[in-house]
Protein backbone atom coordinates (compact mmCIF):
# COMPACT_ATOMS: atom_id res chain seq x y z
CA LEU A 1 72.17 -16.79 23.35
CA GLY A 2 73.54 -13.63 21.81
CA LEU A 3 76.86 -13.16 20.02
CA GLU A 4 79.17 -13.97 22.94
CA ALA A 5 77.40 -17.21 23.75
CA LEU A 6 77.59 -18.30 20.11
CA LYS A 7 81.35 -17.79 20.14
CA PHE A 8 81.65 -20.37 22.92
CA LEU A 9 78.93 -22.70 21.62
CA VAL A 10 80.05 -23.07 18.00
CA PRO A 11 83.45 -24.72 18.73
CA ALA A 12 81.69 -27.36 20.80
CA LEU A 13 79.16 -27.94 18.02
CA ARG A 14 81.92 -28.27 15.43
CA ARG A 15 83.45 -31.14 17.40
CA ASN A 16 80.17 -33.05 17.13
CA SER A 17 79.77 -33.92 13.47
CA GLY A 18 76.76 -36.16 14.21
CA ILE A 19 74.30 -33.32 14.85
CA THR A 20 71.21 -33.77 12.67
CA SER A 21 68.88 -31.19 14.23
CA LEU A 22 69.70 -27.72 15.60
CA ASP A 23 67.02 -25.61 17.31
CA LEU A 24 68.05 -22.02 18.08
CA THR A 25 64.55 -20.59 18.61
CA ASP A 26 64.56 -17.34 20.61
CA GLY A 27 68.36 -17.38 20.54
CA ASP A 28 68.85 -13.62 20.11
CA ILE A 29 70.87 -14.40 16.98
CA ARG A 30 71.63 -11.36 14.85
CA ASP A 31 73.52 -10.86 11.59
CA ALA A 32 76.91 -10.87 13.32
CA GLY A 33 76.16 -14.23 14.96
CA CYS A 34 75.39 -15.81 11.59
CA GLN A 35 79.08 -15.86 10.76
CA HIS A 36 79.78 -18.19 13.70
CA LEU A 37 76.76 -20.31 12.84
CA ALA A 38 77.97 -20.61 9.23
CA GLN A 39 81.35 -21.86 10.51
CA PHE A 40 79.65 -24.67 12.40
CA ILE A 41 77.58 -25.68 9.36
CA MET A 42 80.68 -25.71 7.12
CA GLU A 43 82.76 -27.81 9.51
CA GLY A 44 80.25 -29.94 11.44
CA GLY A 45 76.91 -29.69 9.66
CA ALA A 46 77.25 -32.44 7.05
CA ARG A 47 74.42 -34.40 8.64
CA LEU A 48 72.29 -31.39 9.60
CA ASN A 49 68.80 -31.93 8.21
CA ALA A 50 66.67 -29.70 10.48
CA LEU A 51 67.49 -26.07 11.31
CA ASN A 52 65.18 -23.89 13.40
CA LEU A 53 66.05 -20.18 13.60
CA CYS A 54 62.56 -19.00 14.57
CA ASN A 55 62.11 -15.69 16.41
CA ASN A 56 65.59 -14.23 16.13
CA THR A 57 66.78 -10.96 14.57
CA ILE A 58 68.34 -12.25 11.37
CA CYS A 59 68.10 -9.72 8.55
CA ASP A 60 68.99 -10.00 4.86
CA GLN A 61 72.74 -9.73 5.47
CA GLY A 62 72.69 -12.53 8.04
CA PHE A 63 70.86 -14.89 5.75
CA ARG A 64 73.29 -14.13 2.91
CA THR A 65 76.11 -15.07 5.31
CA LEU A 66 74.44 -18.44 5.88
CA GLU A 67 73.68 -19.08 2.20
CA GLY A 68 76.97 -20.71 1.13
CA SER A 69 77.23 -23.03 4.13
CA LEU A 70 73.60 -24.13 3.81
CA ILE A 71 74.02 -24.89 0.11
CA LEU A 72 77.33 -26.76 0.29
CA HIS A 73 77.58 -28.30 3.74
CA SER A 74 74.18 -29.49 4.94
CA SER A 75 71.47 -31.96 3.97
CA LEU A 76 68.46 -29.90 5.03
CA THR A 77 64.94 -31.29 4.85
CA LYS A 78 63.38 -28.88 7.41
CA LEU A 79 64.00 -25.14 7.64
CA ASN A 80 62.24 -22.70 9.98
CA ILE A 81 63.15 -19.00 9.72
CA ALA A 82 59.81 -17.65 10.96
CA VAL A 83 59.57 -14.31 12.78
CA ASN A 84 62.81 -12.80 11.46
CA PRO A 85 62.94 -9.26 10.00
CA MET A 86 64.26 -10.26 6.58
CA THR A 87 62.76 -8.65 3.48
CA GLY A 88 62.12 -9.66 -0.11
CA ASP A 89 65.85 -9.41 -0.78
CA SER A 90 66.27 -12.69 1.12
CA ALA A 91 63.78 -14.54 -1.07
CA ARG A 92 66.28 -15.11 -3.90
CA THR A 93 68.90 -16.26 -1.38
CA LEU A 94 66.42 -18.73 0.08
CA SER A 95 65.46 -19.93 -3.38
CA ASN A 96 69.13 -20.78 -4.07
CA VAL A 97 69.19 -22.83 -0.84
CA LEU A 98 66.03 -24.69 -1.90
CA LEU A 99 67.47 -25.43 -5.35
CA SER A 100 70.33 -27.28 -3.67
CA HIS A 101 68.04 -29.24 -1.31
CA GLN A 102 65.34 -30.75 -3.47
CA GLY A 103 64.46 -33.18 -0.68
CA MET A 104 63.20 -30.31 1.53
CA CYS A 105 59.85 -31.30 3.02
CA ASP A 106 59.07 -28.64 5.66
CA ILE A 107 59.50 -24.84 5.27
CA ASP A 108 58.26 -22.17 7.69
CA LEU A 109 58.58 -18.55 6.53
CA SER A 110 55.71 -17.14 8.59
CA TRP A 111 55.74 -13.61 9.97
CA THR A 112 58.75 -12.54 7.94
CA GLN A 113 58.64 -9.41 5.81
CA LEU A 114 59.29 -10.90 2.40
CA GLY A 115 56.37 -9.05 0.82
CA ASP A 116 55.81 -9.40 -2.91
CA GLY A 117 59.50 -10.30 -3.19
CA ALA A 118 58.42 -13.75 -2.01
CA LEU A 119 57.66 -14.54 -5.64
CA ASP A 120 61.41 -15.00 -6.04
CA LEU A 121 60.98 -18.17 -3.96
CA VAL A 122 59.04 -19.83 -6.75
CA PRO A 123 61.97 -21.30 -8.76
CA GLY A 124 63.31 -23.02 -5.66
CA ILE A 125 59.93 -24.21 -4.37
CA GLN A 126 58.90 -25.69 -7.73
CA THR A 127 61.89 -28.09 -7.61
CA LEU A 128 60.86 -29.62 -4.25
CA THR A 129 59.45 -33.04 -5.05
CA CYS A 130 58.86 -34.01 -1.39
CA LEU A 131 57.40 -30.79 0.04
CA ARG A 132 54.83 -31.63 2.73
CA SER A 133 54.46 -28.39 4.71
CA LEU A 134 54.70 -24.75 3.64
CA ASP A 135 53.86 -21.89 6.00
CA THR A 136 53.82 -18.36 4.59
CA THR A 137 51.45 -16.83 7.14
CA ALA A 138 51.75 -13.03 7.30
CA VAL A 139 54.47 -12.75 4.67
CA TYR A 140 52.53 -9.76 3.29
CA PHE A 141 52.39 -10.86 -0.34
CA GLY A 142 49.90 -8.21 -1.37
CA PRO A 143 48.46 -8.84 -4.87
CA ALA A 144 51.38 -11.22 -5.53
CA LEU A 145 49.62 -13.86 -3.38
CA ILE A 146 47.51 -14.88 -6.40
CA ASP A 147 50.61 -15.50 -8.52
CA PHE A 148 52.24 -17.39 -5.66
CA ILE A 149 49.27 -19.76 -5.29
CA ASP A 150 49.20 -20.24 -9.08
CA ALA A 151 52.90 -21.15 -8.99
CA LEU A 152 52.13 -23.96 -6.53
CA LYS A 153 49.73 -25.74 -8.88
CA GLU A 154 52.26 -28.38 -9.93
CA ILE A 155 53.12 -29.24 -6.29
CA THR A 156 50.60 -31.88 -5.27
CA THR A 157 52.54 -33.40 -2.38
CA LEU A 158 51.58 -30.75 0.21
CA HIS A 159 49.81 -31.89 3.38
CA ARG A 160 49.91 -28.50 5.12
CA LEU A 161 49.55 -25.09 3.46
CA SER A 162 49.25 -21.89 5.50
CA LEU A 163 48.61 -18.67 3.62
CA GLY A 164 46.65 -16.76 6.27
CA GLU A 165 46.97 -13.13 7.34
CA ASN A 166 47.99 -12.10 3.84
CA TRP A 167 44.66 -10.43 3.00
CA GLY A 168 44.63 -11.44 -0.64
CA GLY A 169 40.89 -10.82 -1.06
CA ASP A 170 38.45 -12.73 -3.25
CA ALA A 171 40.92 -13.44 -6.06
CA ALA A 172 43.40 -15.16 -3.71
CA CYS A 173 40.60 -17.05 -1.97
CA SER A 174 39.32 -18.35 -5.33
CA ALA A 175 42.87 -19.31 -6.32
CA LEU A 176 43.24 -21.29 -3.09
CA ALA A 177 39.91 -23.07 -3.66
CA GLU A 178 41.11 -24.08 -7.14
CA TYR A 179 44.41 -25.32 -5.69
CA ILE A 180 42.57 -27.42 -3.09
CA HIS A 181 40.73 -29.15 -5.96
CA ARG A 182 44.11 -30.00 -7.52
CA CYS A 183 45.73 -31.18 -4.28
CA PRO A 184 43.54 -33.78 -2.52
CA GLU A 185 46.39 -34.75 -0.16
CA LEU A 186 46.08 -31.51 1.86
CA LYS A 187 45.18 -32.12 5.49
CA VAL A 188 45.89 -28.79 7.22
CA ILE A 189 44.47 -25.51 5.84
CA PRO A 190 44.02 -22.50 8.14
CA PHE A 191 41.42 -20.05 6.80
CA VAL A 192 42.63 -16.89 8.52
CA GLY A 193 42.78 -13.30 7.33
CA PHE A 194 42.01 -13.50 3.60
CA GLY A 195 39.75 -10.46 3.54
CA SER A 196 37.39 -12.25 1.16
CA THR A 197 33.63 -11.91 0.86
CA LEU A 198 31.00 -14.43 1.92
CA GLN A 199 30.32 -15.68 -1.61
CA THR A 200 33.99 -16.54 -2.21
CA ASN A 201 34.30 -18.06 1.26
CA MET A 202 31.48 -20.44 0.33
CA GLU A 203 33.52 -21.53 -2.70
CA LEU A 204 36.45 -22.24 -0.39
CA SER A 205 34.27 -24.23 2.00
CA ARG A 206 32.88 -26.43 -0.81
CA SER A 207 36.40 -27.20 -2.04
CA LEU A 208 37.11 -29.05 1.23
CA ARG A 209 34.94 -31.94 0.03
CA ASN A 210 37.63 -32.81 -2.52
CA LEU A 211 40.17 -33.65 0.20
CA LYS A 212 40.85 -37.26 1.12
CA ASP A 213 41.23 -36.32 4.77
CA LEU A 214 41.46 -33.23 6.96
CA PHE A 215 43.25 -32.94 10.30
CA LEU A 216 42.96 -29.23 11.12
CA VAL A 217 40.52 -26.45 10.27
CA VAL A 218 41.02 -22.86 11.41
CA ILE A 219 38.29 -20.33 10.60
CA ARG A 220 39.00 -16.81 11.82
CA ASP A 221 38.42 -13.28 10.55
CA MET A 222 36.11 -14.54 7.83
CA ASP A 223 32.57 -13.59 6.85
CA VAL A 224 30.43 -16.66 7.43
CA ASP A 225 26.75 -17.49 7.59
CA ASP A 226 24.63 -20.58 8.15
CA GLY A 227 25.32 -21.84 4.62
CA PHE A 228 29.09 -21.64 5.07
CA LEU A 229 29.03 -23.73 8.24
CA ILE A 230 26.58 -26.22 6.75
CA GLU A 231 28.94 -26.74 3.78
CA THR A 232 31.93 -27.05 6.13
CA ALA A 233 30.09 -29.61 8.27
CA LYS A 234 29.36 -31.71 5.17
CA ALA A 235 33.00 -31.48 4.07
CA VAL A 236 34.49 -32.68 7.38
CA ARG A 237 31.83 -35.26 8.27
CA ASP A 238 33.89 -38.23 7.08
CA LYS A 239 37.32 -36.75 7.85
CA SER A 240 39.73 -37.58 10.72
CA LEU A 241 39.51 -34.04 12.08
CA LYS A 242 41.85 -33.49 15.04
CA ILE A 243 41.78 -29.73 15.64
CA MET A 244 38.89 -27.30 15.13
CA ASP A 245 39.72 -23.65 15.80
CA MET A 246 37.00 -21.04 15.41
CA GLY A 247 38.31 -18.94 18.30
CA GLY A 248 37.82 -15.20 18.25
CA GLY A 249 34.22 -15.25 17.09
CA LEU A 250 32.80 -15.52 13.60
CA LYS A 251 32.16 -12.45 11.47
CA GLY A 252 29.16 -11.98 9.27
CA VAL A 253 25.43 -11.56 9.41
CA GLY A 254 24.99 -13.67 12.55
CA LEU A 255 24.24 -17.37 12.79
CA GLY A 256 20.79 -18.85 13.04
CA VAL A 257 19.77 -22.17 14.54
CA GLU A 258 20.90 -24.19 11.48
CA GLY A 259 24.32 -22.52 11.44
CA ASN A 260 24.82 -23.23 15.12
CA ARG A 261 23.62 -26.80 14.56
CA ALA A 262 26.24 -27.25 11.82
CA MET A 263 28.95 -25.77 14.04
CA LEU A 264 28.10 -28.17 16.87
CA GLU A 265 28.01 -31.07 14.40
CA ILE A 266 31.61 -30.24 13.45
CA CYS A 267 32.56 -30.10 17.14
CA CYS A 268 31.18 -33.61 17.66
CA ASN A 269 33.50 -35.24 15.11
CA THR A 270 34.56 -38.37 16.97
CA SER A 271 38.28 -37.96 16.18
CA LEU A 272 38.49 -34.35 17.43
CA THR A 273 41.10 -33.76 20.16
CA ILE A 274 41.42 -29.93 20.34
CA LEU A 275 38.49 -27.50 20.16
CA ASN A 276 38.63 -23.70 20.29
CA LEU A 277 35.32 -21.81 20.20
CA GLN A 278 36.37 -18.61 21.98
CA LEU A 279 33.69 -15.89 21.89
CA MET A 280 31.06 -18.16 20.37
CA THR A 281 27.53 -16.74 20.79
CA LEU A 282 24.26 -18.68 21.06
CA PRO A 283 21.89 -15.70 20.90
CA ASP A 284 18.46 -17.37 21.05
CA LEU A 285 16.77 -20.08 23.10
CA GLU A 286 16.51 -22.49 20.15
CA SER A 287 20.29 -22.35 19.63
CA GLN A 288 20.89 -22.77 23.36
CA LYS A 289 18.70 -25.88 23.37
CA LEU A 290 21.03 -27.44 20.78
CA LEU A 291 23.69 -28.02 23.46
CA LYS A 292 21.34 -30.56 24.99
CA GLN A 293 21.17 -32.56 21.75
CA PHE A 294 24.89 -32.84 20.92
CA ARG A 295 27.68 -34.82 22.60
CA LEU A 296 31.24 -33.59 22.21
CA SER A 297 33.89 -36.05 21.03
CA PRO A 298 35.13 -38.42 23.76
CA SER A 299 38.63 -37.97 22.26
CA LEU A 300 38.86 -34.30 23.27
CA THR A 301 41.89 -33.32 25.35
CA SER A 302 41.61 -29.52 25.16
CA VAL A 303 38.50 -27.28 25.02
CA ASP A 304 38.57 -23.48 25.01
CA LEU A 305 35.20 -21.73 25.42
CA CYS A 306 36.63 -18.47 26.82
CA GLY A 307 34.17 -15.59 26.51
CA CYS A 308 31.36 -17.67 25.02
CA GLN A 309 27.89 -16.16 25.43
CA LEU A 310 25.78 -19.23 25.98
CA GLY A 311 22.86 -17.64 27.78
CA LEU A 312 21.27 -19.07 30.93
CA LEU A 313 19.79 -22.12 29.19
CA GLY A 314 22.98 -22.79 27.23
CA ALA A 315 25.07 -22.76 30.41
CA GLN A 316 22.63 -25.20 32.01
CA ASN A 317 22.88 -27.55 29.01
CA LEU A 318 26.68 -27.39 28.77
CA ALA A 319 27.18 -30.36 31.12
CA GLN A 320 25.16 -32.67 28.86
CA CYS A 321 27.30 -31.63 25.92
CA PHE A 322 30.38 -32.84 27.86
CA SER A 323 28.78 -36.03 29.17
CA GLN A 324 30.96 -38.39 27.06
CA VAL A 325 34.23 -36.48 27.57
CA SER A 326 36.71 -37.96 30.08
CA SER A 327 40.18 -37.30 28.57
CA LEU A 328 40.51 -33.54 29.05
CA THR A 329 43.84 -32.07 30.11
CA ASN A 330 42.87 -28.42 29.50
CA LEU A 331 39.49 -26.75 29.99
CA ASN A 332 38.97 -23.00 29.65
CA LEU A 333 35.56 -21.59 30.64
CA THR A 334 36.82 -18.10 31.52
CA ARG A 335 34.12 -15.42 31.21
CA VAL A 336 31.36 -17.98 30.63
CA ASP A 337 28.51 -16.93 32.91
CA LEU A 338 27.96 -20.33 34.49
CA GLY A 339 26.59 -19.32 37.85
CA PRO A 340 26.24 -21.72 40.80
CA SER A 341 23.55 -23.99 39.28
CA ALA A 342 25.46 -24.67 36.02
CA MET A 343 28.61 -25.42 38.05
CA VAL A 344 26.68 -27.97 40.10
CA LYS A 345 25.71 -29.71 36.83
CA LEU A 346 29.31 -29.58 35.59
CA GLU A 347 30.62 -31.24 38.78
CA PRO A 348 30.44 -34.83 37.39
CA VAL A 349 32.13 -33.68 34.16
CA ILE A 350 35.14 -32.28 36.02
CA LYS A 351 35.23 -35.25 38.34
CA ALA A 352 35.30 -37.66 35.37
CA ASN A 353 38.27 -35.87 33.76
CA VAL A 354 40.91 -36.99 36.23
CA ASN A 355 43.79 -36.03 33.90
CA LEU A 356 43.04 -32.29 33.95
CA ARG A 357 46.24 -30.21 34.05
CA GLU A 358 44.72 -26.74 33.63
CA LEU A 359 41.28 -25.49 34.64
CA HIS A 360 40.33 -21.87 33.92
CA LEU A 361 37.11 -20.67 35.57
CA GLY A 362 37.80 -16.96 36.07
CA ARG A 363 34.78 -14.61 35.92
CA THR A 364 32.23 -17.42 35.91
CA ASN A 365 30.13 -16.10 38.83
CA LEU A 366 30.37 -19.36 40.78
CA GLY A 367 29.75 -17.89 44.21
CA ASP A 368 30.27 -20.01 47.31
CA GLU A 369 27.74 -22.62 46.17
CA GLY A 370 29.48 -23.10 42.84
CA THR A 371 32.89 -23.14 44.52
CA THR A 372 31.69 -25.90 46.86
CA ALA A 373 30.54 -27.97 43.86
CA LEU A 374 33.91 -27.36 42.20
CA ALA A 375 35.80 -28.37 45.35
CA ASP A 376 33.91 -31.68 45.42
CA ALA A 377 34.60 -32.20 41.71
CA LEU A 378 38.35 -31.70 42.19
CA SER A 379 38.66 -34.48 44.76
CA GLU A 380 40.09 -36.82 42.07
CA SER A 381 42.20 -34.23 40.21
CA GLN A 382 45.64 -35.29 41.40
CA LYS A 383 47.31 -34.12 38.15
CA LEU A 384 45.94 -30.56 38.18
CA LYS A 385 48.77 -28.00 37.86
CA LYS A 386 46.97 -24.70 37.25
CA LEU A 387 43.66 -23.53 38.73
CA LYS A 388 42.30 -20.07 37.91
CA LEU A 389 39.39 -18.82 40.03
CA PHE A 390 39.79 -15.06 39.77
CA SER A 391 36.67 -12.91 40.13
CA VAL A 392 34.20 -15.75 40.70
CA ASN A 393 32.34 -14.02 43.55
CA MET A 394 33.89 -16.39 46.09
CA GLN A 395 33.78 -15.35 49.74
CA ILE A 396 35.43 -16.72 52.86
CA ASP A 397 33.09 -19.72 53.22
CA GLY A 398 33.80 -20.82 49.66
CA LEU A 399 37.53 -20.34 50.24
CA LYS A 400 37.43 -22.54 53.34
CA THR A 401 35.59 -25.30 51.48
CA LEU A 402 38.12 -25.15 48.68
CA ALA A 403 41.00 -25.22 51.15
CA GLU A 404 39.65 -28.37 52.81
CA ARG A 405 39.84 -30.22 49.47
CA MET A 406 43.31 -28.95 48.61
CA PRO A 407 45.36 -31.80 50.12
CA THR A 408 44.28 -33.99 47.16
CA LEU A 409 45.70 -31.49 44.62
CA THR A 410 49.24 -32.71 45.10
CA SER A 411 50.48 -31.53 41.67
CA LEU A 412 49.11 -27.99 41.91
CA GLU A 413 51.69 -25.35 40.88
CA SER A 414 49.60 -22.20 40.39
CA LEU A 415 46.43 -20.97 42.11
CA ASP A 416 44.68 -17.71 41.16
CA LEU A 417 42.13 -16.43 43.70
CA SER A 418 42.43 -12.76 42.83
CA SER A 419 39.51 -10.29 42.77
CA ASN A 420 37.29 -12.23 45.19
CA ALA A 421 35.69 -10.59 48.21
CA PHE A 422 37.37 -12.41 51.09
CA GLY A 423 37.42 -9.28 53.21
CA LEU A 424 39.73 -8.66 56.15
CA ILE A 425 40.61 -12.28 56.85
CA MET A 426 41.96 -12.74 60.35
CA ILE A 427 45.34 -14.34 60.84
CA THR A 428 43.71 -17.39 62.44
CA GLU A 429 41.77 -18.00 59.22
CA TRP A 430 44.95 -17.70 57.17
CA GLN A 431 46.52 -20.26 59.48
CA PHE A 432 43.52 -22.49 58.74
CA PHE A 433 44.17 -22.02 55.02
CA ARG A 434 47.87 -22.68 55.51
CA ARG A 435 47.23 -25.98 57.24
CA TYR A 436 45.58 -27.41 54.13
CA MET A 437 48.20 -25.96 51.78
CA ALA A 438 51.13 -27.42 53.70
CA ASN A 439 51.20 -30.66 51.68
CA LEU A 440 51.18 -28.91 48.30
CA THR A 441 54.91 -29.24 47.76
CA GLU A 442 54.70 -28.32 44.04
CA LEU A 443 52.85 -25.03 44.66
CA ARG A 444 54.89 -22.09 43.34
CA HIS A 445 52.43 -19.22 42.90
CA VAL A 446 49.25 -18.02 44.63
CA ASP A 447 47.48 -14.82 43.53
CA VAL A 448 45.27 -13.12 46.13
CA ALA A 449 45.41 -9.58 44.71
CA ASP A 450 42.29 -7.43 45.20
CA THR A 451 40.74 -9.77 47.77
CA GLY A 452 41.02 -7.56 50.84
CA CYS A 453 43.66 -9.83 52.39
CA PRO A 454 46.20 -7.82 54.43
CA SER A 455 49.58 -8.13 52.69
CA HIS A 456 51.58 -8.59 55.89
CA MET A 457 49.46 -11.59 56.89
CA VAL A 458 49.79 -13.18 53.47
CA ILE A 459 53.56 -12.69 53.47
CA ARG A 460 53.84 -14.23 56.92
CA VAL A 461 51.88 -17.30 55.80
CA SER A 462 53.90 -17.71 52.58
CA GLN A 463 57.20 -17.57 54.48
CA LYS A 464 56.07 -20.42 56.67
CA LEU A 465 54.80 -22.52 53.76
CA SER A 466 57.74 -22.66 51.35
CA ALA A 467 60.78 -20.69 50.35
CA HIS A 468 59.81 -21.31 46.71
CA LEU A 469 56.25 -19.98 47.00
CA GLU A 470 55.47 -16.61 45.43
CA ILE A 471 52.29 -14.85 46.54
CA THR A 472 50.84 -11.89 44.62
CA THR A 473 48.92 -9.47 46.83
């Protein structure tokens, strides 16, 4: 929005005294714009209960400008000021706002620069009797993180607590484990960036058993071993787990068969809907055989296995792991070395998931045989919007087979065919390709960079297809 836009917007907002929620995310709001925003809150914000100022450039001065209006003229229950460059000086200001809104239930302070000054938040936070969600990811507490967690011990209403990327070490990790024992209502706890050792991480994992339920688990940048995952699997076995995120690989001494078995057991929780296992490694044949024994949750809607090293046997067994899954909308297998034979086995899996919106298969070494199997699998995918097939070793025969199936992909918006060896495709073959693309009225972008396709031919085809179609060459 910027300052000038706010000058025009605020008068219109002031005339509407019924506004209850205001979302100005990415609004380019700076300190000067806060004065106009404060005017709206004072004159038309009596019913305002949700304010989102995420990802702007509001510094300490801007937040001080907002303080009086937020205290006196709003009824806030949700406040998001994440990703703003305010410092610890704003913590006391924010605490004053919280003291005047004891019904606040949702606060997001992530990726601010409050530092150890965040301890000044404590008086305000301790008065919140309805607090359900508190996000202080990457606030950079330093050693003060331990005191901050200790100050939360009387708040037992929290359902979501995010303290990641603060690198509090073993002491903070132990303090969090103790808090989890005191707060059985917690359902969302990301374990990210504590900088703690394996022994303390085990303590944290065991504390999960105390929770009544658990909706989300994030495990990143942590030292883990087989025992850690076995404990985690036991803790979530009877929970209504919705999201499991272990993307980015797991640090530590390396997982054995039992650790990988525990990880797959977690992934098969029947209530799971989102699964991220980016960069997972199954290093030995015994671990790769496990994929044949487990069946992923039929409730899954999104699976990200980007960069997983499954080995030849693991890739072959992947299809059996997905055999009960039919509700996927997003599937990412980028940089999984499937090869043609594994793709042939995955064909019924993709065909069964008719609601797929995004399919990422870049760098999977499909070849023409695998592309043909994929083309057959996509015959029912009328909702597919994005298809990425960059660097899959596809040649002109595979491209032609894919093109013949394209008329069924009526919702397709983006197609990435870059870095495949099509060679110097003659204009007649491009016309063949164009004939099958003609009915794809939603198509907006095709990438054929680094395929050997002459740019002038591609441009000529794109001009005849649609004025809205962008082709990258």
